[in-house]
C-alpha atoms as a PDB file:
ATOM      1  CA  UNK A   1       0.000   0.000   0.000  1.00  0.00           C
ATOM      2  CA  UNK A   2       1.188   3.455  -0.843  1.00  0.00           C
ATOM      3  CA  UNK A   3       1.833   5.562   2.311  1.00  0.00           C
ATOM      4  CA  UNK A   4       0.295   8.575   0.628  1.00  0.00           C
ATOM      5  CA  UNK A   5      -2.979   6.663   0.226  1.00  0.00           C
ATOM      6  CA  UNK A   6      -3.227   6.147   3.999  1.00  0.00           C
ATOM      7  CA  UNK A   7      -2.544   9.847   4.600  1.00  0.00           C
ATOM      8  CA  UNK A   8      -5.121  10.805   2.006  1.00  0.00           C
ATOM      9  CA  UNK A   9      -7.781   8.521   3.503  1.00  0.00           C
ATOM     10  CA  UNK A  10      -7.203   8.923   7.218  1.00  0.00           C
ATOM     11  CA  UNK A  11      -4.912  11.909   7.652  1.00  0.00           C
ATOM     12  CA  UNK A  12      -1.511  11.787   9.322  1.00  0.00           C
ATOM     13  CA  UNK A  13      -1.160   9.287  12.137  1.00  0.00           C
ATOM     14  CA  UNK A  14      -1.153  10.935  15.558  1.00  0.00           C
ATOM     15  CA  UNK A  15      -0.536   9.243  18.868  1.00  0.00           C
ATOM     16  CA  UNK A  16      -3.086  10.254  21.463  1.00  0.00           C
ATOM     17  CA  UNK A  17      -1.600  11.441  24.761  1.00  0.00           C
ATOM     18  CA  UNK A  18      -2.604   9.468  27.840  1.00  0.00           C
ATOM     19  CA  UNK A  19      -5.439  10.990  29.879  1.00  0.00           C
ATOM     20  CA  UNK A  20      -4.397  13.263  32.721  1.00  0.00           C
ATOM     21  CA  UNK A  21      -5.386  12.285  36.241  1.00  0.00           C
ATOM     22  CA  UNK A  22      -4.264  15.103  38.555  1.00  0.00           C
ATOM     23  CA  UNK A  23      -5.983  13.603  41.595  1.00  0.00           C
ATOM     24  CA  UNK A  24      -4.140  10.304  41.208  1.00  0.00           C
ATOM     25  CA  UNK A  25      -0.832  12.079  40.685  1.00  0.00           C
ATOM     26  CA  UNK A  26      -1.370  14.319  43.728  1.00  0.00           C
ATOM     27  CA  UNK A  27      -2.353  11.416  45.975  1.00  0.00           C
ATOM     28  CA  UNK A  28       0.632   9.430  44.752  1.00  0.00           C
ATOM     29  CA  UNK A  29       2.970  12.340  45.500  1.00  0.00           C
ATOM     30  CA  UNK A  30       1.550  12.681  49.025  1.00  0.00           C
ATOM     31  CA  UNK A  31       1.988   8.958  49.701  1.00  0.00           C
ATOM     32  CA  UNK A  32       5.566   8.953  48.445  1.00  0.00           C
ATOM     33  CA  UNK A  33       6.348  12.109  50.447  1.00  0.00           C
ATOM     34  CA  UNK A  34       5.052  10.496  53.645  1.00  0.00           C
ATOM     35  CA  UNK A  35       7.027   7.341  52.858  1.00  0.00           C
ATOM     36  CA  UNK A  36      10.273   9.186  52.210  1.00  0.00           C
ATOM     37  CA  UNK A  37       9.918  11.356  55.328  1.00  0.00           C
ATOM     38  CA  UNK A  38       9.247   8.386  57.586  1.00  0.00           C
ATOM     39  CA  UNK A  39      12.051   6.293  56.098  1.00  0.00           C
ATOM     40  CA  UNK A  40      14.512   9.178  56.409  1.00  0.00           C
ATOM     41  CA  UNK A  41      13.470   9.712  60.057  1.00  0.00           C
ATOM     42  CA  UNK A  42      14.000   6.016  60.797  1.00  0.00           C
ATOM     43  CA  UNK A  43      17.396   5.989  59.036  1.00  0.00           C
ATOM     44  CA  UNK A  44      18.481   9.064  61.005  1.00  0.00           C
ATOM     45  CA  UNK A  45      17.356   7.476  64.254  1.00  0.00           C
ATOM     46  CA  UNK A  46      19.162   4.187  63.562  1.00  0.00           C
ATOM     47  CA  UNK A  47      22.308   6.071  62.538  1.00  0.00           C
ATOM     48  CA  UNK A  48      22.305   8.217  65.658  1.00  0.00           C
ATOM     49  CA  UNK A  49      21.649   5.190  67.861  1.00  0.00           C
ATOM     50  CA  UNK A  50      24.552   3.350  66.263  1.00  0.00           C
ATOM     51  CA  UNK A  51      26.805   6.385  66.605  1.00  0.00           C
ATOM     52  CA  UNK A  52      25.948   6.946  70.271  1.00  0.00           C
ATOM     53  CA  UNK A  53      26.259   3.249  71.017  1.00  0.00           C
ATOM     54  CA  UNK A  54      29.655   3.053  69.350  1.00  0.00           C
ATOM     55  CA  UNK A  55      30.818   6.171  71.216  1.00  0.00           C
ATOM     56  CA  UNK A  56      29.718   4.645  74.522  1.00  0.00           C
ATOM     57  CA  UNK A  57      31.455   1.373  73.710  1.00  0.00           C
ATOM     58  CA  UNK A  58      28.256  -0.656  73.532  1.00  0.00           C
ATOM     59  CA  UNK A  59      27.934  -3.388  70.899  1.00  0.00           C
ATOM     60  CA  UNK A  60      25.705  -2.095  68.094  1.00  0.00           C
ATOM     61  CA  UNK A  61      26.298  -4.818  65.518  1.00  0.00           C
ATOM     62  CA  UNK A  62      23.076  -6.657  66.368  1.00  0.00           C
ATOM     63  CA  UNK A  63      20.948  -3.554  65.951  1.00  0.00           C
ATOM     64  CA  UNK A  64      22.507  -2.639  62.630  1.00  0.00           C
ATOM     65  CA  UNK A  65      22.307  -6.219  61.386  1.00  0.00           C
ATOM     66  CA  UNK A  66      18.593  -6.450  62.217  1.00  0.00           C
ATOM     67  CA  UNK A  67      17.905  -3.083  60.572  1.00  0.00           C
ATOM     68  CA  UNK A  68      19.820  -4.111  57.449  1.00  0.00           C
ATOM     69  CA  UNK A  69      17.981  -7.450  57.307  1.00  0.00           C
ATOM     70  CA  UNK A  70      14.572  -5.781  57.596  1.00  0.00           C
ATOM     71  CA  UNK A  71      15.540  -3.224  54.960  1.00  0.00           C
ATOM     72  CA  UNK A  72      16.761  -5.876  52.528  1.00  0.00           C
ATOM     73  CA  UNK A  73      13.681  -8.065  53.003  1.00  0.00           C
ATOM     74  CA  UNK A  74      11.330  -5.128  52.546  1.00  0.00           C
ATOM     75  CA  UNK A  75      13.173  -3.876  49.474  1.00  0.00           C
ATOM     76  CA  UNK A  76      13.182  -7.373  47.990  1.00  0.00           C
ATOM     77  CA  UNK A  77       9.438  -7.773  48.437  1.00  0.00           C
ATOM     78  CA  UNK A  78       8.816  -4.301  47.024  1.00  0.00           C
ATOM     79  CA  UNK A  79      10.926  -5.035  43.932  1.00  0.00           C
ATOM     80  CA  UNK A  80       9.099  -8.352  43.472  1.00  0.00           C
ATOM     81  CA  UNK A  81       5.765  -6.522  43.465  1.00  0.00           C
ATOM     82  CA  UNK A  82       7.137  -3.886  41.069  1.00  0.00           C
ATOM     83  CA  UNK A  83       8.200  -6.623  38.645  1.00  0.00           C
ATOM     84  CA  UNK A  84       4.861  -8.439  38.712  1.00  0.00           C
ATOM     85  CA  UNK A  85       3.242  -8.526  35.267  1.00  0.00           C
ATOM     86  CA  UNK A  86      -0.057  -7.108  36.512  1.00  0.00           C
ATOM     87  CA  UNK A  87       1.710  -4.083  38.003  1.00  0.00           C
ATOM     88  CA  UNK A  88       3.891  -3.553  34.944  1.00  0.00           C
ATOM     89  CA  UNK A  89       0.801  -3.396  32.694  1.00  0.00           C
ATOM     90  CA  UNK A  90      -0.671  -0.479  34.683  1.00  0.00           C
ATOM     91  CA  UNK A  91      -0.300   3.084  33.517  1.00  0.00           C
ATOM     92  CA  UNK A  92       2.494   5.073  35.129  1.00  0.00           C
ATOM     93  CA  UNK A  93       0.398   7.217  37.446  1.00  0.00           C
ATOM     94  CA  UNK A  94      -1.755   4.335  38.675  1.00  0.00           C
ATOM     95  CA  UNK A  95       1.350   2.178  39.177  1.00  0.00           C
ATOM     96  CA  UNK A  96       2.939   4.932  41.242  1.00  0.00           C
ATOM     97  CA  UNK A  97      -0.213   5.241  43.356  1.00  0.00           C
ATOM     98  CA  UNK A  98      -0.440   1.483  43.993  1.00  0.00           C
ATOM     99  CA  UNK A  99       3.236   1.170  44.877  1.00  0.00           C
ATOM    100  CA  UNK A 100       3.060   4.262  47.091  1.00  0.00           C
ATOM    101  CA  UNK A 101       0.055   2.813  48.915  1.00  0.00           C
ATOM    102  CA  UNK A 102       1.980  -0.415  49.371  1.00  0.00           C
ATOM    103  CA  UNK A 103       5.176   1.276  50.576  1.00  0.00           C
ATOM    104  CA  UNK A 104       3.668   3.914  52.862  1.00  0.00           C
ATOM    105  CA  UNK A 105       1.941   2.253  55.841  1.00  0.00           C
ATOM    106  CA  UNK A 106       4.722   0.223  57.451  1.00  0.00           C
ATOM    107  CA  UNK A 107       7.414   2.930  57.702  1.00  0.00           C
ATOM    108  CA  UNK A 108       4.834   5.567  58.599  1.00  0.00           C
ATOM    109  CA  UNK A 109       3.375   3.525  61.468  1.00  0.00           C
ATOM    110  CA  UNK A 110       6.841   2.539  62.677  1.00  0.00           C
ATOM    111  CA  UNK A 111       8.127   6.131  62.542  1.00  0.00           C
ATOM    112  CA  UNK A 112       5.027   7.399  64.357  1.00  0.00           C
ATOM    113  CA  UNK A 113       5.379   4.760  67.055  1.00  0.00           C
ATOM    114  CA  UNK A 114       9.067   5.573  67.515  1.00  0.00           C
ATOM    115  CA  UNK A 115       8.319   9.303  67.581  1.00  0.00           C
ATOM    116  CA  UNK A 116       5.782   8.910  70.398  1.00  0.00           C
ATOM    117  CA  UNK A 117       7.885   6.400  72.323  1.00  0.00           C
ATOM    118  CA  UNK A 118      11.011   8.618  72.450  1.00  0.00           C
ATOM    119  CA  UNK A 119       9.269  11.975  72.658  1.00  0.00           C
END
């Protein structure tokens, strides 16, 4: 078929942009912001605890080993969910919302519990 015939019949081919979903994008950004703030608070707290423990001469290897193990297990499960075919078929904004909803609760609850227990 002649390419000019397609253009003459149907016009030039245009790719339609994906639909915008500002509510989904905003909710996803809020979830990821809460996740990153809580994870950074927990990392700061573990680092300061390890630093103070090392300065006092207390053994901190067990604490750091447990924190590293929990982090690696959580990251491994999160990557496994990210690589699932059903998640990979989702659009980008919906995928970000689902993964943010999956990643947010555990560090947020843990950071809140630690905040109230030390404060």
